[in-house]
C-alpha atoms as a PDB file:
ATOM      1  CA  MET A   1       7.834 -22.061  -0.334  1.00  0.00           C
ATOM      2  CA  THR A   2       9.675 -20.564   2.203  1.00  0.00           C
ATOM      3  CA  ILE A   3      11.827 -17.537   0.614  1.00  0.00           C
ATOM      4  CA  VAL A   4      14.980 -16.670   2.912  1.00  0.00           C
ATOM      5  CA  ILE A   5      16.655 -13.524   2.398  1.00  0.00           C
ATOM      6  CA  ASP A   6      20.458 -14.111   1.464  1.00  0.00           C
ATOM      7  CA  ASP A   7      22.001 -10.504   1.454  1.00  0.00           C
ATOM      8  CA  SER A   8      25.465  -8.862   2.256  1.00  0.00           C
ATOM      9  CA  ARG A   9      24.055  -5.533   3.754  1.00  0.00           C
ATOM     10  CA  GLU A  10      23.651  -5.395   7.170  1.00  0.00           C
ATOM     11  CA  ASP A  11      20.684  -2.987   7.264  1.00  0.00           C
ATOM     12  CA  CYS A  12      17.156  -3.277   6.226  1.00  0.00           C
ATOM     13  CA  LEU A  13      16.943   0.100   4.045  1.00  0.00           C
ATOM     14  CA  TYR A  14      15.565  -1.528   1.138  1.00  0.00           C
ATOM     15  CA  ASP A  15      12.492  -2.659   0.058  1.00  0.00           C
ATOM     16  CA  PHE A  16      11.760  -6.579  -0.879  1.00  0.00           C
ATOM     17  CA  MET A  17       9.163  -5.920  -4.416  1.00  0.00           C
ATOM     18  CA  GLY A  18       9.582  -9.092  -6.356  1.00  0.00           C
ATOM     19  CA  VAL A  19       7.759 -11.493  -8.563  1.00  0.00           C
ATOM     20  CA  LEU A  20       8.248 -15.385  -8.509  1.00  0.00           C
ATOM     21  CA  GLY A  21       7.716 -17.269 -11.105  1.00  0.00           C
ATOM     22  CA  PRO A  22      10.694 -19.688 -12.445  1.00  0.00           C
ATOM     23  CA  ASN A  23      10.891 -19.985 -16.002  1.00  0.00           C
ATOM     24  CA  ALA A  24      11.784 -23.212 -18.037  1.00  0.00           C
ATOM     25  CA  GLU A  25      15.511 -22.409 -17.080  1.00  0.00           C
ATOM     26  CA  GLY A  26      14.888 -22.180 -13.448  1.00  0.00           C
ATOM     27  CA  THR A  27      15.718 -18.631 -13.368  1.00  0.00           C
ATOM     28  CA  VAL A  28      13.571 -16.010 -11.793  1.00  0.00           C
ATOM     29  CA  GLY A  29      10.916 -14.534 -14.397  1.00  0.00           C
ATOM     30  CA  GLU A  30       7.639 -13.027 -14.284  1.00  0.00           C
ATOM     31  CA  GLY A  31       5.089 -13.695 -11.535  1.00  0.00           C
ATOM     32  CA  ALA A  32       2.602 -12.498  -9.081  1.00  0.00           C
ATOM     33  CA  LEU A  33       3.831  -9.781  -6.735  1.00  0.00           C
ATOM     34  CA  ILE A  34       4.270 -11.214  -3.477  1.00  0.00           C
ATOM     35  CA  GLN A  35       5.456  -8.528  -1.320  1.00  0.00           C
ATOM     36  CA  SER A  36       5.612  -4.862  -1.658  1.00  0.00           C
ATOM     37  CA  GLY A  37       7.105  -2.284   0.574  1.00  0.00           C
ATOM     38  CA  VAL A  38       7.939  -4.991   3.358  1.00  0.00           C
ATOM     39  CA  SER A  39      11.195  -4.103   4.867  1.00  0.00           C
ATOM     40  CA  VAL A  40      13.974  -7.159   4.195  1.00  0.00           C
ATOM     41  CA  CYS A  41      16.902  -7.994   6.762  1.00  0.00           C
ATOM     42  CA  ASP A  42      19.365 -10.340   5.978  1.00  0.00           C
ATOM     43  CA  GLY A  43      18.183 -13.900   7.478  1.00  0.00           C
ATOM     44  CA  ASP A  44      14.346 -12.759   7.266  1.00  0.00           C
ATOM     45  CA  THR A  45      12.237 -15.607   6.091  1.00  0.00           C
ATOM     46  CA  TYR A  46       8.816 -15.324   4.064  1.00  0.00           C
ATOM     47  CA  GLU A  47       6.285 -17.706   3.072  1.00  0.00           C
ATOM     48  CA  TYR A  48       4.924 -17.733  -0.045  1.00  0.00           C
ATOM     49  CA  TYR A  49       1.647 -19.498  -1.360  1.00  0.00           C
ATOM     50  CA  GLU A  50       0.469 -20.005  -4.802  1.00  0.00           C
ATOM     51  CA  ASP A  51      -3.150 -19.558  -5.407  1.00  0.00           C
END
């Protein structure tokens, strides 16, 4: 799965600490922590692999 950051901010002054795990309705729910303390900029791409 490829995650592309889409954010209007022009800086990288925030961290990506997120969990992924779509629930039945397709919205983001509980899941494994995939990135922690990583600077995120608009347009950055991350690869997420499930165990």
